[in-house]
Amino acid sequence: MSEVNLPYWQVNVPEDRRLADCPDFLADANAKDRRILSTKDEDYHYQTWSEVQRFIETNHLELFERVPTDMRRYKEYTWKLKREYGSVMNFILQERLKWNDMACTGEPFTNSDDYKILYNDWPYGLEQKIVHLVVWTKFDLEDDPATDDLTPKARREIDEFVERTFRSRVPRNQVIWFKNWRSLKSVHAVEHFHVLLYDADKEFVRQITHDDIALAVKVQEAERGLT
């Protein structure tokens, strides 16, 4: 069968590994996911820094996309996590954050025990110089129910944190942050927001993440037999 006419779950899969029926981990793929999965990797457009800035500044967060094969890995990995841990949230708490207690010890961003900076485990398909981090917090980042967006107070608290944590080490025009609308979140119940850095010093990123490695990197290394 021509690659053009393949069902979405067979695209970017070697011919000898293609399944006739859709695997369970892709059965719930929505229209956007199916469109991405139907795209060949070589045809994917990596999103640039200027595009990232525009998506965030105009609040069109739904325009972020993953590379097709990364989307497939993400769907399969999270499908397995839900069966092993009960939910993605449980896995994040136990294995990534290693938080046994969600109680805050002070006001937002005043105690480093109340937040953690890690790589985004399954980043969007961004140009290579863009680093995608996630700041996880034990405290709430208050949303306005009327707008599904942050309250002015929460936005100010995050921006002040980003200012002293990231913009003190990376040029201002190379740092941007956003918090997903509730409807776009892939992990609910654990507060978090995203920070993207352009061409940041690798040593700074290593220090700020405490030598973290994204799950996507570990999965790809395992596929190549490097671990």
C-alpha atoms as a PDB file:
ATOM      1  CA  MET A   1       0.000   0.000   0.000  1.00  0.00           C
ATOM      2  CA  SER A   2       1.258   3.484  -0.844  1.00  0.00           C
ATOM      3  CA  GLU A   3       2.396   5.496   2.193  1.00  0.00           C
ATOM      4  CA  VAL A   4      -0.072   8.208   1.141  1.00  0.00           C
ATOM      5  CA  ASN A   5      -3.006   5.808   1.577  1.00  0.00           C
ATOM      6  CA  LEU A   6      -1.922   4.306   4.903  1.00  0.00           C
ATOM      7  CA  PRO A   7      -4.214   4.619   7.925  1.00  0.00           C
ATOM      8  CA  TYR A   8      -2.820   7.025  10.505  1.00  0.00           C
ATOM      9  CA  TRP A   9      -1.569   4.292  12.849  1.00  0.00           C
ATOM     10  CA  GLN A  10       0.688   2.816  10.134  1.00  0.00           C
ATOM     11  CA  VAL A  11       2.435   6.011   9.002  1.00  0.00           C
ATOM     12  CA  ASN A  12       6.123   6.284  10.044  1.00  0.00           C
ATOM     13  CA  VAL A  13       6.088   2.587  10.996  1.00  0.00           C
ATOM     14  CA  PRO A  14       8.399   0.106   9.176  1.00  0.00           C
ATOM     15  CA  GLU A  15       6.379  -2.098   6.834  1.00  0.00           C
ATOM     16  CA  ASP A  16       7.179  -5.293   8.746  1.00  0.00           C
ATOM     17  CA  ARG A  17       5.828  -3.758  11.993  1.00  0.00           C
ATOM     18  CA  ARG A  18       2.561  -2.317  10.708  1.00  0.00           C
ATOM     19  CA  LEU A  19      -0.613  -3.616  12.343  1.00  0.00           C
ATOM     20  CA  ALA A  20      -3.803  -4.188  10.389  1.00  0.00           C
ATOM     21  CA  ASP A  21      -5.916  -2.878  13.260  1.00  0.00           C
ATOM     22  CA  CYS A  22      -5.379   0.321  15.209  1.00  0.00           C
ATOM     23  CA  PRO A  23      -3.435  -0.349  18.445  1.00  0.00           C
ATOM     24  CA  ASP A  24      -5.292   0.381  21.669  1.00  0.00           C
ATOM     25  CA  PHE A  25      -2.996   3.265  22.599  1.00  0.00           C
ATOM     26  CA  LEU A  26      -4.053   5.186  19.478  1.00  0.00           C
ATOM     27  CA  ALA A  27      -7.744   4.293  19.527  1.00  0.00           C
ATOM     28  CA  ASP A  28      -8.709   7.509  21.340  1.00  0.00           C
ATOM     29  CA  ALA A  29      -6.674   9.823  19.096  1.00  0.00           C
ATOM     30  CA  ASN A  30      -8.641  12.986  18.364  1.00  0.00           C
ATOM     31  CA  ALA A  31      -8.822  14.718  14.985  1.00  0.00           C
ATOM     32  CA  LYS A  32      -5.692  16.820  15.630  1.00  0.00           C
ATOM     33  CA  ASP A  33      -3.724  13.781  16.817  1.00  0.00           C
ATOM     34  CA  ARG A  34      -4.783  11.780  13.763  1.00  0.00           C
ATOM     35  CA  ARG A  35      -3.725  14.580  11.436  1.00  0.00           C
ATOM     36  CA  ILE A  36      -0.294  14.703  13.080  1.00  0.00           C
ATOM     37  CA  LEU A  37       0.104  10.923  13.121  1.00  0.00           C
ATOM     38  CA  SER A  38      -0.802  10.830   9.419  1.00  0.00           C
ATOM     39  CA  THR A  39       2.116  13.140   8.588  1.00  0.00           C
ATOM     40  CA  LYS A  40       5.442  11.642   7.568  1.00  0.00           C
ATOM     41  CA  ASP A  41       8.295  12.771   9.795  1.00  0.00           C
ATOM     42  CA  GLU A  42      10.222  14.161   6.847  1.00  0.00           C
ATOM     43  CA  ASP A  43       7.267  16.417   5.990  1.00  0.00           C
ATOM     44  CA  TYR A  44       6.920  17.821   9.510  1.00  0.00           C
ATOM     45  CA  HIS A  45       7.696  21.539   9.968  1.00  0.00           C
ATOM     46  CA  TYR A  46       9.685  22.210  13.140  1.00  0.00           C
ATOM     47  CA  GLN A  47       8.242  25.266  14.875  1.00  0.00           C
ATOM     48  CA  THR A  48      10.591  28.237  15.069  1.00  0.00           C
ATOM     49  CA  TRP A  49      11.281  30.634  17.931  1.00  0.00           C
ATOM     50  CA  SER A  50       9.304  33.392  16.215  1.00  0.00           C
ATOM     51  CA  GLU A  51       6.348  31.012  15.807  1.00  0.00           C
ATOM     52  CA  VAL A  52       6.585  29.972  19.457  1.00  0.00           C
ATOM     53  CA  GLN A  53       6.531  33.616  20.527  1.00  0.00           C
ATOM     54  CA  ARG A  54       3.521  34.311  18.327  1.00  0.00           C
ATOM     55  CA  PHE A  55       1.555  31.276  19.599  1.00  0.00           C
ATOM     56  CA  ILE A  56       2.074  32.364  23.211  1.00  0.00           C
ATOM     57  CA  GLU A  57       1.623  36.112  22.746  1.00  0.00           C
ATOM     58  CA  THR A  58      -1.652  35.598  20.841  1.00  0.00           C
ATOM     59  CA  ASN A  59      -2.762  32.804  23.228  1.00  0.00           C
ATOM     60  CA  HIS A  60      -3.064  30.243  20.414  1.00  0.00           C
ATOM     61  CA  LEU A  61      -1.547  27.418  22.434  1.00  0.00           C
ATOM     62  CA  GLU A  62      -3.495  24.828  20.464  1.00  0.00           C
ATOM     63  CA  LEU A  63      -1.067  25.420  17.566  1.00  0.00           C
ATOM     64  CA  PHE A  64       1.762  23.619  19.367  1.00  0.00           C
ATOM     65  CA  GLU A  65       2.327  20.149  17.905  1.00  0.00           C
ATOM     66  CA  ARG A  66       4.628  17.190  18.418  1.00  0.00           C
ATOM     67  CA  VAL A  67       6.694  15.470  15.755  1.00  0.00           C
ATOM     68  CA  PRO A  68       4.566  12.556  14.433  1.00  0.00           C
ATOM     69  CA  THR A  69       6.783   9.757  15.769  1.00  0.00           C
ATOM     70  CA  ASP A  70       7.124  11.583  19.095  1.00  0.00           C
ATOM     71  CA  MET A  71       3.332  11.844  19.269  1.00  0.00           C
ATOM     72  CA  ARG A  72       3.130   8.087  18.707  1.00  0.00           C
ATOM     73  CA  ARG A  73       5.716   7.410  21.444  1.00  0.00           C
ATOM     74  CA  TYR A  74       3.915   9.807  23.784  1.00  0.00           C
ATOM     75  CA  LYS A  75       0.532   8.130  23.259  1.00  0.00           C
ATOM     76  CA  GLU A  76       1.988   4.644  23.740  1.00  0.00           C
ATOM     77  CA  TYR A  77       4.047   5.560  26.808  1.00  0.00           C
ATOM     78  CA  THR A  78       1.228   7.373  28.612  1.00  0.00           C
ATOM     79  CA  TRP A  79      -1.177   4.539  27.761  1.00  0.00           C
ATOM     80  CA  LYS A  80       1.179   2.113  29.508  1.00  0.00           C
ATOM     81  CA  LEU A  81       1.681   4.470  32.462  1.00  0.00           C
ATOM     82  CA  LYS A  82      -2.046   4.632  33.148  1.00  0.00           C
ATOM     83  CA  ARG A  83      -2.159   0.856  33.388  1.00  0.00           C
ATOM     84  CA  GLU A  84       0.898   0.588  35.623  1.00  0.00           C
ATOM     85  CA  TYR A  85       0.397   3.629  37.871  1.00  0.00           C
ATOM     86  CA  GLY A  86      -3.330   4.263  37.572  1.00  0.00           C
ATOM     87  CA  SER A  87      -2.792   7.696  36.027  1.00  0.00           C
ATOM     88  CA  VAL A  88      -0.107   9.886  34.484  1.00  0.00           C
ATOM     89  CA  MET A  89      -0.416  12.135  37.543  1.00  0.00           C
ATOM     90  CA  ASN A  90       0.572   9.279  39.868  1.00  0.00           C
ATOM     91  CA  PHE A  91       3.629   8.544  37.749  1.00  0.00           C
ATOM     92  CA  ILE A  92       4.674  12.207  37.692  1.00  0.00           C
ATOM     93  CA  LEU A  93       4.365  12.479  41.476  1.00  0.00           C
ATOM     94  CA  GLN A  94       6.116   9.192  42.259  1.00  0.00           C
ATOM     95  CA  GLU A  95       8.817   8.957  39.618  1.00  0.00           C
ATOM     96  CA  ARG A  96       9.490  12.440  38.266  1.00  0.00           C
ATOM     97  CA  LEU A  97       8.769  14.801  41.152  1.00  0.00           C
ATOM     98  CA  LYS A  98       9.209  12.250  43.964  1.00  0.00           C
ATOM     99  CA  TRP A  99       6.799  14.245  46.104  1.00  0.00           C
ATOM    100  CA  ASN A 100       5.162  12.292  48.909  1.00  0.00           C
ATOM    101  CA  ASP A 101       3.646  15.394  50.464  1.00  0.00           C
ATOM    102  CA  MET A 102       1.891  18.125  48.483  1.00  0.00           C
ATOM    103  CA  ALA A 103       1.677  20.526  51.429  1.00  0.00           C
ATOM    104  CA  CYS A 104       3.218  23.945  50.771  1.00  0.00           C
ATOM    105  CA  THR A 105       5.719  25.404  53.196  1.00  0.00           C
ATOM    106  CA  GLY A 106       5.178  29.078  52.319  1.00  0.00           C
ATOM    107  CA  GLU A 107       3.940  31.592  49.793  1.00  0.00           C
ATOM    108  CA  PRO A 108       4.302  30.743  46.073  1.00  0.00           C
ATOM    109  CA  PHE A 109       7.911  30.477  44.866  1.00  0.00           C
ATOM    110  CA  THR A 110       9.427  31.360  48.265  1.00  0.00           C
ATOM    111  CA  ASN A 111      10.655  27.837  49.071  1.00  0.00           C
ATOM    112  CA  SER A 112      12.422  25.651  46.505  1.00  0.00           C
ATOM    113  CA  ASP A 113      10.896  22.549  48.120  1.00  0.00           C
ATOM    114  CA  ASP A 114       7.537  23.689  46.773  1.00  0.00           C
ATOM    115  CA  TYR A 115       8.481  23.662  43.097  1.00  0.00           C
ATOM    116  CA  LYS A 116      10.689  21.716  40.702  1.00  0.00           C
ATOM    117  CA  ILE A 117      12.089  22.544  37.265  1.00  0.00           C
ATOM    118  CA  LEU A 118      12.363  19.616  34.842  1.00  0.00           C
ATOM    119  CA  TYR A 119      12.554  19.051  31.128  1.00  0.00           C
ATOM    120  CA  ASN A 120       9.228  18.614  29.376  1.00  0.00           C
ATOM    121  CA  ASP A 121       9.174  14.833  28.984  1.00  0.00           C
ATOM    122  CA  TRP A 122       7.399  14.995  25.621  1.00  0.00           C
ATOM    123  CA  PRO A 123       8.244  18.397  24.112  1.00  0.00           C
ATOM    124  CA  TYR A 124       6.646  19.914  21.069  1.00  0.00           C
ATOM    125  CA  GLY A 125       8.327  19.728  17.685  1.00  0.00           C
ATOM    126  CA  LEU A 126      10.488  22.815  18.072  1.00  0.00           C
ATOM    127  CA  GLU A 127      13.691  23.876  16.379  1.00  0.00           C
ATOM    128  CA  GLN A 128      16.788  22.404  18.009  1.00  0.00           C
ATOM    129  CA  LYS A 129      17.948  25.547  19.839  1.00  0.00           C
ATOM    130  CA  ILE A 130      14.722  25.761  21.875  1.00  0.00           C
ATOM    131  CA  VAL A 131      14.776  24.195  25.357  1.00  0.00           C
ATOM    132  CA  HIS A 132      11.363  23.263  26.749  1.00  0.00           C
ATOM    133  CA  LEU A 133      11.138  23.133  30.545  1.00  0.00           C
ATOM    134  CA  VAL A 134       8.235  22.626  32.947  1.00  0.00           C
ATOM    135  CA  VAL A 135       7.959  24.216  36.386  1.00  0.00           C
ATOM    136  CA  TRP A 136       5.881  21.969  38.668  1.00  0.00           C
ATOM    137  CA  THR A 137       4.400  23.495  41.819  1.00  0.00           C
ATOM    138  CA  LYS A 138       2.784  22.237  44.999  1.00  0.00           C
ATOM    139  CA  PHE A 139       0.798  25.461  45.254  1.00  0.00           C
ATOM    140  CA  ASP A 140      -2.127  26.545  43.107  1.00  0.00           C
ATOM    141  CA  LEU A 141      -1.726  28.873  40.155  1.00  0.00           C
ATOM    142  CA  GLU A 142      -5.123  30.482  40.267  1.00  0.00           C
ATOM    143  CA  ASP A 143      -7.304  30.472  37.151  1.00  0.00           C
ATOM    144  CA  ASP A 144     -10.164  32.823  36.402  1.00  0.00           C
ATOM    145  CA  PRO A 145     -13.162  30.527  35.643  1.00  0.00           C
ATOM    146  CA  ALA A 146     -14.655  33.189  33.381  1.00  0.00           C
ATOM    147  CA  THR A 147     -11.637  33.268  31.051  1.00  0.00           C
ATOM    148  CA  ASP A 148      -9.942  29.875  31.662  1.00  0.00           C
ATOM    149  CA  ASP A 149      -6.779  31.947  32.086  1.00  0.00           C
ATOM    150  CA  LEU A 150      -4.555  32.958  34.993  1.00  0.00           C
ATOM    151  CA  THR A 151      -5.644  35.670  37.376  1.00  0.00           C
ATOM    152  CA  PRO A 152      -3.531  38.872  37.253  1.00  0.00           C
ATOM    153  CA  LYS A 153      -2.041  37.988  40.679  1.00  0.00           C
ATOM    154  CA  ALA A 154      -0.968  34.489  39.572  1.00  0.00           C
ATOM    155  CA  ARG A 155       0.438  35.850  36.305  1.00  0.00           C
ATOM    156  CA  ARG A 156       2.481  38.441  38.218  1.00  0.00           C
ATOM    157  CA  GLU A 157       3.848  35.810  40.626  1.00  0.00           C
ATOM    158  CA  ILE A 158       4.936  33.552  37.761  1.00  0.00           C
ATOM    159  CA  ASP A 159       6.483  36.408  35.808  1.00  0.00           C
ATOM    160  CA  GLU A 160       8.495  37.560  38.825  1.00  0.00           C
ATOM    161  CA  PHE A 161       9.753  33.986  39.314  1.00  0.00           C
ATOM    162  CA  VAL A 162      10.694  33.696  35.623  1.00  0.00           C
ATOM    163  CA  GLU A 163      12.438  37.076  35.833  1.00  0.00           C
ATOM    164  CA  ARG A 164      14.772  36.133  38.665  1.00  0.00           C
ATOM    165  CA  THR A 165      15.232  32.476  37.725  1.00  0.00           C
ATOM    166  CA  PHE A 166      15.626  32.576  33.954  1.00  0.00           C
ATOM    167  CA  ARG A 167      15.876  36.108  32.610  1.00  0.00           C
ATOM    168  CA  SER A 168      18.754  36.774  34.996  1.00  0.00           C
ATOM    169  CA  ARG A 169      20.757  34.176  33.020  1.00  0.00           C
ATOM    170  CA  VAL A 170      19.211  34.242  29.546  1.00  0.00           C
ATOM    171  CA  PRO A 171      18.467  37.360  27.419  1.00  0.00           C
ATOM    172  CA  ARG A 172      14.905  38.584  27.936  1.00  0.00           C
ATOM    173  CA  ASN A 173      13.928  38.103  24.303  1.00  0.00           C
ATOM    174  CA  GLN A 174      15.052  34.462  24.545  1.00  0.00           C
ATOM    175  CA  VAL A 175      12.748  33.520  27.426  1.00  0.00           C
ATOM    176  CA  ILE A 176       8.993  33.027  27.258  1.00  0.00           C
ATOM    177  CA  TRP A 177       6.488  31.154  29.414  1.00  0.00           C
ATOM    178  CA  PHE A 178       2.903  29.988  29.271  1.00  0.00           C
ATOM    179  CA  LYS A 179       0.385  27.994  31.254  1.00  0.00           C
ATOM    180  CA  ASN A 180      -1.919  25.716  29.305  1.00  0.00           C
ATOM    181  CA  TRP A 181      -5.624  26.326  29.397  1.00  0.00           C
ATOM    182  CA  ARG A 182      -7.316  23.731  31.561  1.00  0.00           C
ATOM    183  CA  SER A 183      -8.828  22.146  28.431  1.00  0.00           C
ATOM    184  CA  LEU A 184      -5.336  21.616  26.908  1.00  0.00           C
ATOM    185  CA  LYS A 185      -3.598  20.142  29.942  1.00  0.00           C
ATOM    186  CA  SER A 186      -2.274  16.604  29.525  1.00  0.00           C
ATOM    187  CA  VAL A 187      -1.606  16.278  33.276  1.00  0.00           C
ATOM    188  CA  HIS A 188      -4.331  17.504  35.593  1.00  0.00           C
ATOM    189  CA  ALA A 189      -4.206  18.005  39.384  1.00  0.00           C
ATOM    190  CA  VAL A 190      -0.470  18.800  39.520  1.00  0.00           C
ATOM    191  CA  GLU A 191       0.020  22.494  38.830  1.00  0.00           C
ATOM    192  CA  HIS A 192       2.628  23.414  36.255  1.00  0.00           C
ATOM    193  CA  PHE A 193       3.589  25.946  33.632  1.00  0.00           C
ATOM    194  CA  HIS A 194       5.985  25.893  30.699  1.00  0.00           C
ATOM    195  CA  VAL A 195       9.181  27.871  30.147  1.00  0.00           C
ATOM    196  CA  LEU A 196      10.888  27.975  26.753  1.00  0.00           C
ATOM    197  CA  LEU A 197      14.453  29.192  26.314  1.00  0.00           C
ATOM    198  CA  TYR A 198      16.170  29.998  23.046  1.00  0.00           C
ATOM    199  CA  ASP A 199      19.848  29.130  22.658  1.00  0.00           C
ATOM    200  CA  ALA A 200      20.364  28.942  26.420  1.00  0.00           C
ATOM    201  CA  ASP A 201      23.688  28.000  27.989  1.00  0.00           C
ATOM    202  CA  LYS A 202      23.701  24.211  28.383  1.00  0.00           C
ATOM    203  CA  GLU A 203      25.448  24.356  31.740  1.00  0.00           C
ATOM    204  CA  PHE A 204      22.778  26.709  33.099  1.00  0.00           C
ATOM    205  CA  VAL A 205      20.036  24.327  31.912  1.00  0.00           C
ATOM    206  CA  ARG A 206      21.862  21.377  33.452  1.00  0.00           C
ATOM    207  CA  GLN A 207      22.123  23.197  36.789  1.00  0.00           C
ATOM    208  CA  ILE A 208      18.546  24.481  36.862  1.00  0.00           C
ATOM    209  CA  THR A 209      17.144  21.000  36.104  1.00  0.00           C
ATOM    210  CA  HIS A 210      19.630  19.178  38.371  1.00  0.00           C
ATOM    211  CA  ASP A 211      20.871  16.991  35.482  1.00  0.00           C
ATOM    212  CA  ASP A 212      17.375  15.977  34.455  1.00  0.00           C
ATOM    213  CA  ILE A 213      16.825  13.905  31.294  1.00  0.00           C
ATOM    214  CA  ALA A 214      13.479  13.984  29.475  1.00  0.00           C
ATOM    215  CA  LEU A 215      11.606  10.688  29.210  1.00  0.00           C
ATOM    216  CA  ALA A 216      11.401  11.098  25.431  1.00  0.00           C
ATOM    217  CA  VAL A 217      15.213  11.010  25.290  1.00  0.00           C
ATOM    218  CA  LYS A 218      15.356   7.884  27.466  1.00  0.00           C
ATOM    219  CA  VAL A 219      12.734   6.113  25.347  1.00  0.00           C
ATOM    220  CA  GLN A 220      14.554   6.917  22.104  1.00  0.00           C
ATOM    221  CA  GLU A 221      17.866   5.769  23.582  1.00  0.00           C
ATOM    222  CA  ALA A 222      16.238   2.497  24.651  1.00  0.00           C
ATOM    223  CA  GLU A 223      14.886   2.013  21.125  1.00  0.00           C
ATOM    224  CA  ARG A 224      18.417   2.446  19.763  1.00  0.00           C
ATOM    225  CA  GLY A 225      19.832   0.062  22.352  1.00  0.00           C
ATOM    226  CA  LEU A 226      21.898   2.753  24.088  1.00  0.00           C
ATOM    227  CA  THR A 227      20.626   1.983  27.609  1.00  0.00           C
END
